[in-house]
Every structure is written in C-alpha cells, then in structure tokens.
Amino acid sequence: MRLPNSIQLLSLAAAAATQGKASTVPPPKSIFSNEPQSGHRIPTSYESAVLGRRILALTPLGTLATVFPADADADAEDEDAEPGRRYGAQENRPAGLGGMPHSLMDYVADCEGDGNPTFLAINIETTFKNVRDGSNISLAQQWTPPYPPDKRIQSSAITTSTTSGLLSRLVDWLGLGSADHDQDAEDSEPIDLVPYSAANLPRFSLLGYVEKIDEGSSAAAALSECFVKKHPDARYWLPGNRIHEAEFVRLVVQHVYWVGGFGDRAYIGWIPVDEWKAVSRHEWERVSLPGEKKGWKEWSVGSTAGDL
C-alpha cells in the first residue's frame, strides 16, 4: 500500500527540517557596538578607513542630509531676506520646517581622490538650497554587494519557510496534494530584494560642509569627465547647461562615523578624519569588499581584516 511509504517520506522530510533548525549558526554577540571578548580580531579604525574609501570609490549613490533654515515669512521673495524666507513663494514650503532634517539620494563621485566626495550641485535642489542657507551636510553610503552570498545567515523564519515549501512539493509529488493546487504557486512567492544581511555589511556617514570647486581651474574638464563616467546621464546638467544652474562642489569631510558590520567582528565607531584622508588609492585598490566576487559567506564578513 502506498500510504505508509508516503507517511514515512514525510516523516523523514520533517526530521531533516528539524535537524536543519538545530544546526542554525548562533547569532552575533553584538550588533551595534564592539564586543571586547568576541573571539574575533576587530579591525582597526585605519583598516576600516581603507574599506570605507573603497566604498566611496565604487558606490555611485548616497543619501545627503541637511537641515532646513529657521522659519520665516513664507511669502517673502526678497533674495536678500534672511534664510528661510526666499524660497517660500516658489516652493510653497509648509510652515514649521525650520530645524527639521531633510535627506535625499544624490549622485556621488570620488573625483579628487582625497576622501572628499564630489557632487554636481543643482541650484533648485532643496539639499543645496539648505546648504546656501547655512546648513552643514552629511553623506551616508552603504556597501551593496554585486553578488549574493553562497552561504546565508539563516533564521528560524527562513528555515520554516523553506521547510514548508519542501513538504508542499513532496506532498504534490506523492499525489496527496489538492487537485486544484496551482502549479505556478512557486512563481507567486515574493522575490528576495535584499539577498544578504544588510546589517552585517559596512556603511558610513561623512559629516562636514560644502565647498565650491573652482570652475576656472585646470581640473574642471577632468571633473566633468570623471563625473560623467560614473553617471552618464549627468552630462545633460553639467555646469553651463541650458536647463538648470549647476556647479561642482565637494563635501569637506570633518568627521567620519563607521559601522563595519556586526560588532563582535567589525569596527564600529568614529574614524579620525586624518586617517580617512591619509588612505591612498593604492591601499583601497588592494582590498576587497564582501560580495565583490562570487562564493562569499556572510558569517565570514569582518574576519579577514588582518589581510588588509
């Protein structure tokens, strides 16, 4: 009789799933702070700076954060008016924005090679209006691996989902499933848009102020070439375009905050700005970040800092 064999197969599948749960790797001991007795060698701040400079060189996007100027008369249009007054009529800004943070994605390029990011500032962007009104600025970037890991950090939720799918397919194969079962049910499962542990990957925030890059310098053409190489569509709004007033600016880095991953194996904290700026191109070209190559394992992130 077929039924006992079916039950036996189902029992074996359930046992295998239970065994998979028991072998789940234990969670990290620390996530947002460094653990002194973690069993891993925590990278130094300088080693972390080298990785950060590589992220800056390879990552074309980031989040710029500024602060709105103090509130004033939203109807004022006088260009000489105090900060906060001059843009109200044009933007229809709501009242009460004074002192509130504002953050948006922007294009980033590492064109000067000294740790100060390059931006193409458009005069109508709220970010750079806030800068003109006296706001400092910060840039947040995170490393996004081009390849998913071969071995993922598993959780009980993932294991349960996988087990459910396995049992469902086994039931169908044994002919015990519902007659109206949709053959394409698997296709309806949501795609994993983040196929890695983002909390385990490095990211940083650069804090400082914006400084205009002299357009009359001999490096102006090189800046345009560098920026367009990273962002081909930016050629339409380079300085001198007929659409918007634009200029190249740099973020002069004054402070660097780094989160290298889980705190029991990666450095978390402030990186001295002199270390950030001392990193050479030769140094950041010699290292690699998690997922730059195929075949990486999430649990190994942060454990190879000694090879820097």
Protein backbone atom coordinates (compact mmCIF):
# COMPACT_ATOMS: atom_id res chain seq x y z
CA MET A 1 0.00 0.00 0.00
CA ARG A 2 1.37 3.43 -0.95
CA LEU A 3 0.18 5.45 2.04
CA PRO A 4 2.61 4.10 4.67
CA ASN A 5 5.57 4.83 2.37
CA SER A 6 4.27 8.35 1.86
CA ILE A 7 3.96 8.91 5.58
CA GLN A 8 7.50 7.58 6.06
CA LEU A 9 8.88 10.02 3.47
CA LEU A 10 7.03 12.92 5.06
CA SER A 11 8.42 11.96 8.45
CA LEU A 12 11.96 11.91 7.06
CA ALA A 13 11.47 15.34 5.49
CA ALA A 14 10.17 16.76 8.76
CA ALA A 15 13.10 15.25 10.65
CA ALA A 16 15.55 16.77 8.19
CA ALA A 17 13.91 20.14 8.66
CA THR A 18 14.17 19.84 12.43
CA GLN A 19 17.84 18.93 12.14
CA GLY A 20 18.38 21.99 9.92
CA LYS A 21 16.89 24.20 12.60
CA ALA A 22 19.16 22.76 15.25
CA SER A 23 22.25 23.50 13.16
CA THR A 24 21.41 27.17 12.63
CA VAL A 25 24.51 29.28 13.34
CA PRO A 26 24.17 31.25 16.61
CA PRO A 27 23.51 34.99 16.28
CA PRO A 28 26.29 37.57 16.66
CA LYS A 29 27.11 38.60 20.22
CA SER A 30 26.96 42.30 19.43
CA ILE A 31 25.36 44.23 16.59
CA PHE A 32 25.71 47.99 17.17
CA SER A 33 28.74 48.13 19.47
CA ASN A 34 32.09 46.39 19.74
CA GLU A 35 32.34 43.29 21.93
CA PRO A 36 35.73 43.17 23.73
CA GLN A 37 35.74 39.38 24.19
CA SER A 38 34.18 38.36 20.89
CA GLY A 39 36.72 35.80 19.75
CA HIS A 40 37.33 37.78 16.53
CA ARG A 41 40.03 40.35 15.87
CA ILE A 42 38.28 43.69 15.49
CA PRO A 43 39.76 45.69 12.57
CA THR A 44 41.45 48.97 13.45
CA SER A 45 39.95 52.33 12.58
CA TYR A 46 42.54 52.75 9.83
CA GLU A 47 41.76 49.36 8.29
CA SER A 48 38.13 50.40 8.35
CA ALA A 49 39.04 53.71 6.70
CA VAL A 50 40.66 51.79 3.84
CA LEU A 51 37.45 49.80 3.30
CA GLY A 52 35.40 52.98 3.55
CA ARG A 53 37.48 54.73 0.92
CA ARG A 54 36.90 51.74 -1.38
CA ILE A 55 33.15 52.02 -0.81
CA LEU A 56 33.32 55.73 -1.65
CA ALA A 57 35.23 54.98 -4.86
CA LEU A 58 32.88 52.19 -6.01
CA THR A 59 29.47 53.42 -4.84
CA PRO A 60 27.78 55.96 -7.15
CA LEU A 61 24.82 56.82 -4.92
CA GLY A 62 24.41 58.13 -1.40
CA THR A 63 21.99 59.93 0.88
CA LEU A 64 22.68 63.61 1.55
CA ALA A 65 21.23 65.09 4.73
CA THR A 66 20.84 68.79 5.54
CA VAL A 67 18.71 70.91 7.88
CA PHE A 68 16.07 73.46 6.90
CA PRO A 69 16.82 77.04 7.97
CA ALA A 70 14.83 78.80 10.66
CA ASP A 71 11.20 79.57 9.83
CA ALA A 72 10.30 82.99 8.45
CA ASP A 73 7.64 84.61 6.33
CA ALA A 74 6.85 82.00 3.66
CA ASP A 75 5.60 84.67 1.25
CA ALA A 76 8.80 86.69 1.16
CA GLU A 77 10.58 86.73 -2.21
CA ASP A 78 13.42 89.12 -1.42
CA GLU A 79 16.73 87.46 -2.33
CA ASP A 80 18.38 89.42 0.48
CA ALA A 81 15.90 88.17 3.04
CA GLU A 82 17.04 86.09 5.98
CA PRO A 83 17.44 82.34 5.49
CA GLY A 84 14.16 80.54 5.06
CA ARG A 85 12.29 83.47 3.50
CA ARG A 86 13.47 83.44 -0.10
CA TYR A 87 12.11 80.10 -1.31
CA GLY A 88 8.63 80.08 0.19
CA ALA A 89 6.66 81.52 -2.72
CA GLN A 90 8.47 79.37 -5.29
CA GLU A 91 8.19 76.05 -3.47
CA ASN A 92 5.06 76.61 -1.41
CA ARG A 93 7.00 75.32 1.59
CA PRO A 94 4.82 74.46 4.56
CA ALA A 95 5.36 76.29 7.82
CA GLY A 96 7.30 74.65 10.64
CA LEU A 97 10.23 73.22 8.67
CA GLY A 98 12.86 75.25 10.50
CA GLY A 99 15.47 72.96 12.06
CA MET A 100 13.98 69.80 10.57
CA PRO A 101 16.30 67.33 8.78
CA HIS A 102 15.99 66.70 5.06
CA SER A 103 17.61 63.75 3.27
CA LEU A 104 17.52 62.52 -0.32
CA MET A 105 19.50 60.30 -2.66
CA ASP A 106 22.07 62.04 -4.82
CA TYR A 107 24.83 61.19 -7.29
CA VAL A 108 28.29 60.77 -5.76
CA ALA A 109 31.73 60.53 -7.35
CA ASP A 110 35.23 60.22 -5.93
CA CYS A 111 36.85 62.55 -8.45
CA GLU A 112 39.51 64.27 -6.34
CA GLY A 113 40.84 61.14 -4.68
CA ASP A 114 41.44 62.72 -1.27
CA GLY A 115 38.41 61.40 0.61
CA ASN A 116 36.21 64.43 -0.11
CA PRO A 117 33.25 63.32 -2.26
CA THR A 118 32.32 65.26 -5.40
CA PHE A 119 28.76 66.35 -6.22
CA LEU A 120 27.11 68.15 -9.11
CA ALA A 121 25.01 70.70 -7.22
CA ILE A 122 21.84 71.86 -9.00
CA ASN A 123 20.64 75.24 -7.77
CA ILE A 124 16.99 74.17 -7.49
CA GLU A 125 17.74 71.16 -5.27
CA THR A 126 16.43 71.60 -1.73
CA THR A 127 19.60 69.99 -0.40
CA PHE A 128 21.82 72.71 -1.83
CA LYS A 129 19.33 75.48 -1.01
CA ASN A 130 19.69 74.42 2.62
CA VAL A 131 23.47 74.49 2.20
CA ARG A 132 23.31 78.05 0.85
CA ASP A 133 21.21 78.94 3.88
CA GLY A 134 23.99 77.79 6.19
CA SER A 135 23.32 74.09 6.76
CA ASN A 136 26.14 71.62 7.20
CA ILE A 137 25.79 68.34 5.37
CA SER A 138 26.32 64.61 5.76
CA LEU A 139 26.65 61.80 3.26
CA ALA A 140 25.57 58.25 4.12
CA GLN A 141 26.72 55.34 1.96
CA GLN A 142 26.41 51.59 2.34
CA TRP A 143 28.10 48.74 0.55
CA THR A 144 25.82 46.77 -1.77
CA PRO A 145 27.44 43.51 -2.91
CA PRO A 146 27.05 42.75 -6.63
CA TYR A 147 26.74 39.02 -5.88
CA PRO A 148 24.56 37.31 -3.24
CA PRO A 149 26.37 35.09 -0.73
CA ASP A 150 26.71 31.38 -1.36
CA LYS A 151 26.02 30.75 2.31
CA ARG A 152 23.45 32.97 4.00
CA ILE A 153 22.89 33.81 7.66
CA GLN A 154 19.83 31.68 8.36
CA SER A 155 16.96 32.37 10.71
CA SER A 156 14.17 30.20 12.02
CA ALA A 157 11.71 32.09 9.82
CA ILE A 158 13.70 31.30 6.69
CA THR A 159 14.11 27.67 7.75
CA THR A 160 10.36 27.32 8.39
CA SER A 161 9.54 28.83 5.00
CA THR A 162 11.98 26.54 3.23
CA THR A 163 10.66 23.52 5.11
CA SER A 164 7.08 24.40 4.23
CA GLY A 165 7.98 24.62 0.55
CA LEU A 166 9.81 21.27 0.68
CA LEU A 167 6.92 19.49 2.34
CA SER A 168 4.43 21.04 -0.08
CA ARG A 169 6.39 19.85 -3.10
CA LEU A 170 6.82 16.39 -1.57
CA VAL A 171 3.08 16.10 -0.91
CA ASP A 172 2.34 17.04 -4.53
CA TRP A 173 4.91 14.54 -5.82
CA LEU A 174 3.31 11.77 -3.77
CA GLY A 175 -0.08 12.62 -5.22
CA LEU A 176 -1.51 13.65 -1.85
CA GLY A 177 -1.99 17.32 -2.68
CA SER A 178 -5.20 19.13 -3.52
CA ALA A 179 -6.47 18.62 -7.06
CA ASP A 180 -6.86 22.35 -7.61
CA HIS A 181 -3.30 23.10 -6.50
CA ASP A 182 -1.78 25.84 -8.65
CA GLN A 183 1.28 24.54 -10.46
CA ASP A 184 2.68 28.08 -10.60
CA ALA A 185 2.37 28.75 -6.86
CA GLU A 186 6.12 28.90 -6.53
CA ASP A 187 6.28 31.70 -9.07
CA SER A 188 3.99 33.80 -6.89
CA GLU A 189 6.40 33.74 -3.94
CA PRO A 190 7.95 37.17 -3.28
CA ILE A 191 11.43 37.76 -4.65
CA ASP A 192 14.10 38.43 -2.05
CA LEU A 193 15.05 42.01 -2.96
CA VAL A 194 17.85 42.05 -0.37
CA PRO A 195 19.53 38.63 -0.72
CA TYR A 196 22.07 39.32 2.03
CA SER A 197 22.22 40.58 5.61
CA ALA A 198 22.43 44.37 5.22
CA ALA A 199 23.13 44.77 8.94
CA ASN A 200 26.29 42.71 8.50
CA LEU A 201 27.73 44.92 5.73
CA PRO A 202 29.81 48.10 6.10
CA ARG A 203 28.39 51.61 5.87
CA PHE A 204 29.46 55.07 6.95
CA SER A 205 28.44 58.68 7.37
CA LEU A 206 30.66 61.59 6.35
CA LEU A 207 29.93 64.86 8.13
CA GLY A 208 31.20 68.26 7.06
CA TYR A 209 30.42 71.25 4.86
CA VAL A 210 30.09 72.00 1.14
CA GLU A 211 32.78 73.92 -0.72
CA LYS A 212 32.56 75.07 -4.34
CA ILE A 213 35.21 73.71 -6.71
CA ASP A 214 36.76 76.46 -8.80
CA GLU A 215 35.34 76.07 -12.31
CA GLY A 216 38.24 78.02 -13.77
CA SER A 217 40.81 75.53 -12.54
CA SER A 218 42.65 73.22 -14.90
CA ALA A 219 40.87 70.29 -13.26
CA ALA A 220 37.38 71.44 -14.35
CA ALA A 221 37.38 69.33 -17.54
CA ALA A 222 38.74 66.34 -15.63
CA LEU A 223 35.94 66.71 -13.07
CA SER A 224 33.29 66.64 -15.79
CA GLU A 225 34.87 63.59 -17.39
CA CYS A 226 35.12 61.79 -14.06
CA PHE A 227 31.55 62.58 -13.04
CA VAL A 228 30.00 61.63 -16.39
CA LYS A 229 31.97 58.38 -16.42
CA LYS A 230 30.27 57.46 -13.14
CA HIS A 231 26.90 58.99 -14.13
CA PRO A 232 26.43 59.12 -17.94
CA ASP A 233 23.08 60.93 -17.74
CA ALA A 234 24.67 63.78 -15.77
CA ARG A 235 26.12 65.20 -18.98
CA TYR A 236 22.76 66.92 -19.54
CA TRP A 237 23.11 69.13 -16.46
CA LEU A 238 26.84 69.83 -16.32
CA PRO A 239 27.84 73.42 -15.49
CA GLY A 240 26.82 75.70 -18.37
CA ASN A 241 23.79 73.64 -19.41
CA ARG A 242 20.61 75.40 -20.60
CA ILE A 243 18.28 73.69 -18.13
CA HIS A 244 19.47 74.48 -14.59
CA GLU A 245 22.27 76.37 -12.99
CA ALA A 246 24.82 73.85 -11.74
CA GLU A 247 28.28 73.70 -10.24
CA PHE A 248 30.72 71.12 -8.93
CA VAL A 249 31.15 71.05 -5.16
CA ARG A 250 32.98 68.90 -2.65
CA LEU A 251 31.97 67.72 0.79
CA VAL A 252 34.87 68.72 3.02
CA VAL A 253 34.93 65.82 5.46
CA GLN A 254 35.33 66.81 9.13
CA HIS A 255 34.07 63.65 10.84
CA VAL A 256 33.59 60.00 9.85
CA TYR A 257 31.30 57.51 11.57
CA TRP A 258 31.69 53.85 10.59
CA VAL A 259 29.66 50.69 11.10
CA GLY A 260 31.63 47.81 9.63
CA GLY A 261 29.05 45.11 10.32
CA PHE A 262 28.28 43.09 13.44
CA GLY A 263 30.10 44.49 16.44
CA ASP A 264 31.70 41.21 17.51
CA ARG A 265 33.81 41.10 14.33
CA ALA A 266 33.81 44.58 12.75
CA TYR A 267 34.86 48.03 13.92
CA ILE A 268 32.06 50.38 14.94
CA GLY A 269 32.76 53.99 15.89
CA TRP A 270 34.42 57.22 14.80
CA ILE A 271 37.32 57.15 12.35
CA PRO A 272 39.80 60.03 12.81
CA VAL A 273 39.50 62.30 9.80
CA ASP A 274 43.27 62.34 9.27
CA GLU A 275 43.18 58.55 8.87
CA TRP A 276 40.31 58.82 6.38
CA LYS A 277 42.22 61.30 4.25
CA ALA A 278 45.56 59.50 4.58
CA VAL A 279 44.34 56.41 2.72
CA SER A 280 45.97 56.15 -0.70
CA ARG A 281 44.45 54.83 -3.90
CA HIS A 282 47.00 52.00 -3.83
CA GLU A 283 45.70 50.92 -0.41
CA TRP A 284 41.99 50.84 -1.22
CA GLU A 285 42.64 49.14 -4.57
CA ARG A 286 44.40 46.25 -2.80
CA VAL A 287 41.45 45.30 -0.60
CA SER A 288 38.09 43.79 -1.49
CA LEU A 289 34.64 44.13 0.00
CA PRO A 290 32.16 41.32 0.77
CA GLY A 291 30.45 40.09 -2.37
CA GLU A 292 32.77 41.69 -4.92
CA LYS A 293 33.47 38.13 -6.01
CA LYS A 294 31.23 35.09 -6.10
CA GLY A 295 31.40 32.42 -3.44
CA TRP A 296 31.46 34.55 -0.28
CA LYS A 297 29.89 33.58 3.05
CA GLU A 298 28.06 36.09 5.22
CA TRP A 299 29.44 34.79 8.51
CA SER A 300 32.99 35.40 7.31
CA VAL A 301 32.44 39.16 6.87
CA GLY A 302 34.85 41.08 9.09
CA SER A 303 37.05 38.08 9.83
CA THR A 304 39.66 38.85 7.16
CA ALA A 305 40.60 42.37 8.22
CA GLY A 306 44.10 41.17 9.09
CA ASP A 307 44.76 40.69 5.37
CA LEU A 308 44.46 44.40 4.67
